[in-house]
Amino acid sequence: MRAAGHMSRGFFVCAAQGLAARQCRRYHAAMNALSLLYSPFPDAESTTRAAQALLEQKLAACCNLLPGTQSLYWWEGRIAQASEVILIVKTPPALAAQAADALAQLHPYGCPAILQLSAAANAAFAQHVHTTLS
C-alpha cells in the first residue's frame, strides 16, 4: 500500500511537470542520485576536522568515520602498511567536485586518495541530502 502511495505521488509530480514515463524514471533516478567521497586519513583527529569543515561549508550532508582500517599500498617504491580512518562523505552530485577539492585542501597527506563514487539512495534520504544542502 505504501509503495503505491509513493508511486502515485511520483506520478503526480511527473504529470504536473508534463513528463512522459521514460522522463519520469530519469527524473526520479536523478533525484535519488548521490555522490560518495571515500578517503583514508591517518587518524581520527584529522578525519573529524575534515568532516566538520565539509559539514560547516555545506558541502556534505553526512560524514561517516570508519576507524581501524589496515591499509597496504605502494609508496616510494616499496609496500607500506598503515592503520587509517576512512572518511565517507555523502553529497549531491552537483557538489561532489567542490567537496573533493575542499577535502584535498583539508587532507594531511601530500598525495591523498579521494575517490568519488556514484550511488543511488532511498528517496527519503536522498531528499534529505538535497534539501539540507540546497
C-alpha atoms as a PDB file:
ATOM      1  CA  MET A   1       0.000   0.000   0.000  1.00  0.00           C
ATOM      2  CA  ARG A   2       2.736   2.434   0.942  1.00  0.00           C
ATOM      3  CA  ALA A   3       4.664   1.773  -2.269  1.00  0.00           C
ATOM      4  CA  ALA A   4       1.558   2.502  -4.306  1.00  0.00           C
ATOM      5  CA  GLY A   5       1.128   5.818  -2.495  1.00  0.00           C
ATOM      6  CA  HIS A   6       4.744   6.672  -3.178  1.00  0.00           C
ATOM      7  CA  MET A   7       4.338   5.756  -6.841  1.00  0.00           C
ATOM      8  CA  SER A   8       1.192   7.872  -7.021  1.00  0.00           C
ATOM      9  CA  ARG A   9       2.959  10.903  -5.589  1.00  0.00           C
ATOM     10  CA  GLY A  10       5.797  10.344  -8.066  1.00  0.00           C
ATOM     11  CA  PHE A  11       3.325  10.033 -10.910  1.00  0.00           C
ATOM     12  CA  PHE A  12       1.595  13.267  -9.926  1.00  0.00           C
ATOM     13  CA  VAL A  13       4.924  15.101  -9.702  1.00  0.00           C
ATOM     14  CA  CYS A  14       5.837  13.890 -13.182  1.00  0.00           C
ATOM     15  CA  ALA A  15       2.363  14.596 -14.572  1.00  0.00           C
ATOM     16  CA  ALA A  16       2.413  18.118 -13.147  1.00  0.00           C
ATOM     17  CA  GLN A  17       5.726  18.714 -14.919  1.00  0.00           C
ATOM     18  CA  GLY A  18       4.440  17.171 -18.157  1.00  0.00           C
ATOM     19  CA  LEU A  19       6.955  14.308 -18.095  1.00  0.00           C
ATOM     20  CA  ALA A  20       6.440  11.095 -20.052  1.00  0.00           C
ATOM     21  CA  ALA A  21       7.025   7.742 -18.319  1.00  0.00           C
ATOM     22  CA  ARG A  22      10.640   7.497 -19.534  1.00  0.00           C
ATOM     23  CA  GLN A  23      11.390  11.062 -18.444  1.00  0.00           C
ATOM     24  CA  CYS A  24       9.664  10.358 -15.129  1.00  0.00           C
ATOM     25  CA  ARG A  25      12.010   7.420 -14.419  1.00  0.00           C
ATOM     26  CA  ARG A  26      15.047   9.609 -15.246  1.00  0.00           C
ATOM     27  CA  TYR A  27      13.700  12.417 -13.055  1.00  0.00           C
ATOM     28  CA  HIS A  28      13.323  10.105 -10.037  1.00  0.00           C
ATOM     29  CA  ALA A  29      16.711   8.458 -10.655  1.00  0.00           C
ATOM     30  CA  ALA A  30      18.346  11.912 -10.697  1.00  0.00           C
ATOM     31  CA  MET A  31      16.536  12.937  -7.527  1.00  0.00           C
ATOM     32  CA  ASN A  32      17.817   9.791  -5.757  1.00  0.00           C
ATOM     33  CA  ALA A  33      21.379  10.189  -7.041  1.00  0.00           C
ATOM     34  CA  LEU A  34      24.127  10.900  -4.533  1.00  0.00           C
ATOM     35  CA  SER A  35      27.899  11.046  -4.647  1.00  0.00           C
ATOM     36  CA  LEU A  36      30.093   9.390  -2.069  1.00  0.00           C
ATOM     37  CA  LEU A  37      33.635  10.533  -1.441  1.00  0.00           C
ATOM     38  CA  TYR A  38      35.919   7.898   0.055  1.00  0.00           C
ATOM     39  CA  SER A  39      39.218   8.958   1.575  1.00  0.00           C
ATOM     40  CA  PRO A  40      41.607   7.352   4.095  1.00  0.00           C
ATOM     41  CA  PHE A  41      43.125   9.540   6.836  1.00  0.00           C
ATOM     42  CA  PRO A  42      45.994   8.885   9.240  1.00  0.00           C
ATOM     43  CA  ASP A  43      43.985   9.379  12.445  1.00  0.00           C
ATOM     44  CA  ALA A  44      40.585  10.184  13.941  1.00  0.00           C
ATOM     45  CA  GLU A  45      41.532  13.782  14.766  1.00  0.00           C
ATOM     46  CA  SER A  46      42.337  14.819  11.202  1.00  0.00           C
ATOM     47  CA  THR A  47      39.348  12.874   9.870  1.00  0.00           C
ATOM     48  CA  THR A  48      36.994  14.620  12.289  1.00  0.00           C
ATOM     49  CA  ARG A  49      38.421  18.050  11.394  1.00  0.00           C
ATOM     50  CA  ALA A  50      37.900  17.416   7.678  1.00  0.00           C
ATOM     51  CA  ALA A  51      34.369  16.076   8.187  1.00  0.00           C
ATOM     52  CA  GLN A  52      33.426  19.018  10.404  1.00  0.00           C
ATOM     53  CA  ALA A  53      34.763  21.519   7.844  1.00  0.00           C
ATOM     54  CA  LEU A  54      32.840  19.886   4.968  1.00  0.00           C
ATOM     55  CA  LEU A  55      29.646  19.926   7.025  1.00  0.00           C
ATOM     56  CA  GLU A  56      30.149  23.570   8.054  1.00  0.00           C
ATOM     57  CA  GLN A  57      30.808  24.571   4.424  1.00  0.00           C
ATOM     58  CA  LYS A  58      27.550  22.798   3.430  1.00  0.00           C
ATOM     59  CA  LEU A  59      29.478  20.500   1.069  1.00  0.00           C
ATOM     60  CA  ALA A  60      28.372  17.350   2.897  1.00  0.00           C
ATOM     61  CA  ALA A  61      25.075  16.280   4.402  1.00  0.00           C
ATOM     62  CA  CYS A  62      26.639  13.401   6.326  1.00  0.00           C
ATOM     63  CA  CYS A  63      30.111  12.036   7.012  1.00  0.00           C
ATOM     64  CA  ASN A  64      30.997   8.582   8.331  1.00  0.00           C
ATOM     65  CA  LEU A  65      34.306   7.879  10.062  1.00  0.00           C
ATOM     66  CA  LEU A  66      35.368   4.247   9.920  1.00  0.00           C
ATOM     67  CA  PRO A  67      38.306   3.633  12.279  1.00  0.00           C
ATOM     68  CA  GLY A  68      40.561   0.612  12.433  1.00  0.00           C
ATOM     69  CA  THR A  69      41.309   0.149   8.736  1.00  0.00           C
ATOM     70  CA  GLN A  70      44.577  -1.562   7.880  1.00  0.00           C
ATOM     71  CA  SER A  71      45.905  -0.340   4.526  1.00  0.00           C
ATOM     72  CA  LEU A  72      48.631  -1.914   2.413  1.00  0.00           C
ATOM     73  CA  TYR A  73      49.875   0.161  -0.527  1.00  0.00           C
ATOM     74  CA  TRP A  74      52.803   1.012  -2.740  1.00  0.00           C
ATOM     75  CA  TRP A  75      54.678   4.124  -1.587  1.00  0.00           C
ATOM     76  CA  GLU A  76      58.060   5.367  -2.772  1.00  0.00           C
ATOM     77  CA  GLY A  77      58.989   2.077  -4.430  1.00  0.00           C
ATOM     78  CA  ARG A  78      58.011  -0.331  -1.666  1.00  0.00           C
ATOM     79  CA  ILE A  79      54.972  -1.799   0.026  1.00  0.00           C
ATOM     80  CA  ALA A  80      53.898   0.133   3.110  1.00  0.00           C
ATOM     81  CA  GLN A  81      51.300  -0.573   5.800  1.00  0.00           C
ATOM     82  CA  ALA A  82      49.341   1.846   7.956  1.00  0.00           C
ATOM     83  CA  SER A  83      46.380   1.994  10.289  1.00  0.00           C
ATOM     84  CA  GLU A  84      43.929   4.549   8.892  1.00  0.00           C
ATOM     85  CA  VAL A  85      40.475   6.032   9.404  1.00  0.00           C
ATOM     86  CA  ILE A  86      38.200   6.036   6.361  1.00  0.00           C
ATOM     87  CA  LEU A  87      36.061   9.101   5.712  1.00  0.00           C
ATOM     88  CA  ILE A  88      32.905   8.619   3.648  1.00  0.00           C
ATOM     89  CA  VAL A  89      31.187  11.844   2.595  1.00  0.00           C
ATOM     90  CA  LYS A  90      27.589  11.921   1.300  1.00  0.00           C
ATOM     91  CA  THR A  91      26.826  14.831  -1.013  1.00  0.00           C
ATOM     92  CA  PRO A  92      24.705  15.639  -4.086  1.00  0.00           C
ATOM     93  CA  PRO A  93      26.449  15.044  -7.436  1.00  0.00           C
ATOM     94  CA  ALA A  94      26.354  18.792  -8.134  1.00  0.00           C
ATOM     95  CA  LEU A  95      28.588  19.440  -5.096  1.00  0.00           C
ATOM     96  CA  ALA A  96      30.904  16.422  -5.423  1.00  0.00           C
ATOM     97  CA  ALA A  97      33.753  18.126  -7.302  1.00  0.00           C
ATOM     98  CA  GLN A  98      33.724  21.114  -4.944  1.00  0.00           C
ATOM     99  CA  ALA A  99      33.636  18.797  -1.907  1.00  0.00           C
ATOM    100  CA  ALA A 100      36.538  16.745  -3.311  1.00  0.00           C
ATOM    101  CA  ASP A 101      38.588  19.919  -3.892  1.00  0.00           C
ATOM    102  CA  ALA A 102      37.895  21.091  -0.332  1.00  0.00           C
ATOM    103  CA  LEU A 103      38.765  17.642   1.004  1.00  0.00           C
ATOM    104  CA  ALA A 104      42.099  17.730  -0.837  1.00  0.00           C
ATOM    105  CA  GLN A 105      42.899  21.082   0.818  1.00  0.00           C
ATOM    106  CA  LEU A 106      41.922  19.776   4.270  1.00  0.00           C
ATOM    107  CA  HIS A 107      43.770  16.467   3.939  1.00  0.00           C
ATOM    108  CA  PRO A 108      47.038  15.974   5.849  1.00  0.00           C
ATOM    109  CA  TYR A 109      48.506  13.610   3.228  1.00  0.00           C
ATOM    110  CA  GLY A 110      50.594  15.116   0.439  1.00  0.00           C
ATOM    111  CA  CYS A 111      49.011  12.713  -2.058  1.00  0.00           C
ATOM    112  CA  PRO A 112      45.572  11.862  -0.639  1.00  0.00           C
ATOM    113  CA  ALA A 113      43.339   9.208  -2.163  1.00  0.00           C
ATOM    114  CA  ILE A 114      39.953  10.810  -2.789  1.00  0.00           C
ATOM    115  CA  LEU A 115      37.565   8.568  -4.672  1.00  0.00           C
ATOM    116  CA  GLN A 116      34.224   9.810  -5.980  1.00  0.00           C
ATOM    117  CA  LEU A 117      31.557   7.135  -6.316  1.00  0.00           C
ATOM    118  CA  SER A 118      28.070   7.448  -7.773  1.00  0.00           C
ATOM    119  CA  ALA A 119      25.279   5.989  -5.680  1.00  0.00           C
ATOM    120  CA  ALA A 120      21.518   5.730  -5.650  1.00  0.00           C
ATOM    121  CA  ALA A 121      19.839   6.272  -2.292  1.00  0.00           C
ATOM    122  CA  ASN A 122      16.382   5.618  -0.958  1.00  0.00           C
ATOM    123  CA  ALA A 123      14.104   8.526  -1.815  1.00  0.00           C
ATOM    124  CA  ALA A 124      13.689   9.878   1.727  1.00  0.00           C
ATOM    125  CA  PHE A 125      17.429  10.017   2.426  1.00  0.00           C
ATOM    126  CA  ALA A 126      18.246  11.473  -0.995  1.00  0.00           C
ATOM    127  CA  GLN A 127      15.646  14.176  -0.448  1.00  0.00           C
ATOM    128  CA  HIS A 128      17.150  14.915   2.967  1.00  0.00           C
ATOM    129  CA  VAL A 129      20.626  15.328   1.433  1.00  0.00           C
ATOM    130  CA  HIS A 130      19.419  17.563  -1.395  1.00  0.00           C
ATOM    131  CA  THR A 131      17.191  19.666   0.895  1.00  0.00           C
ATOM    132  CA  THR A 132      19.863  20.056   3.576  1.00  0.00           C
ATOM    133  CA  LEU A 133      22.455  21.362   1.128  1.00  0.00           C
ATOM    134  CA  SER A 134      20.262  23.497  -1.132  1.00  0.00           C
END
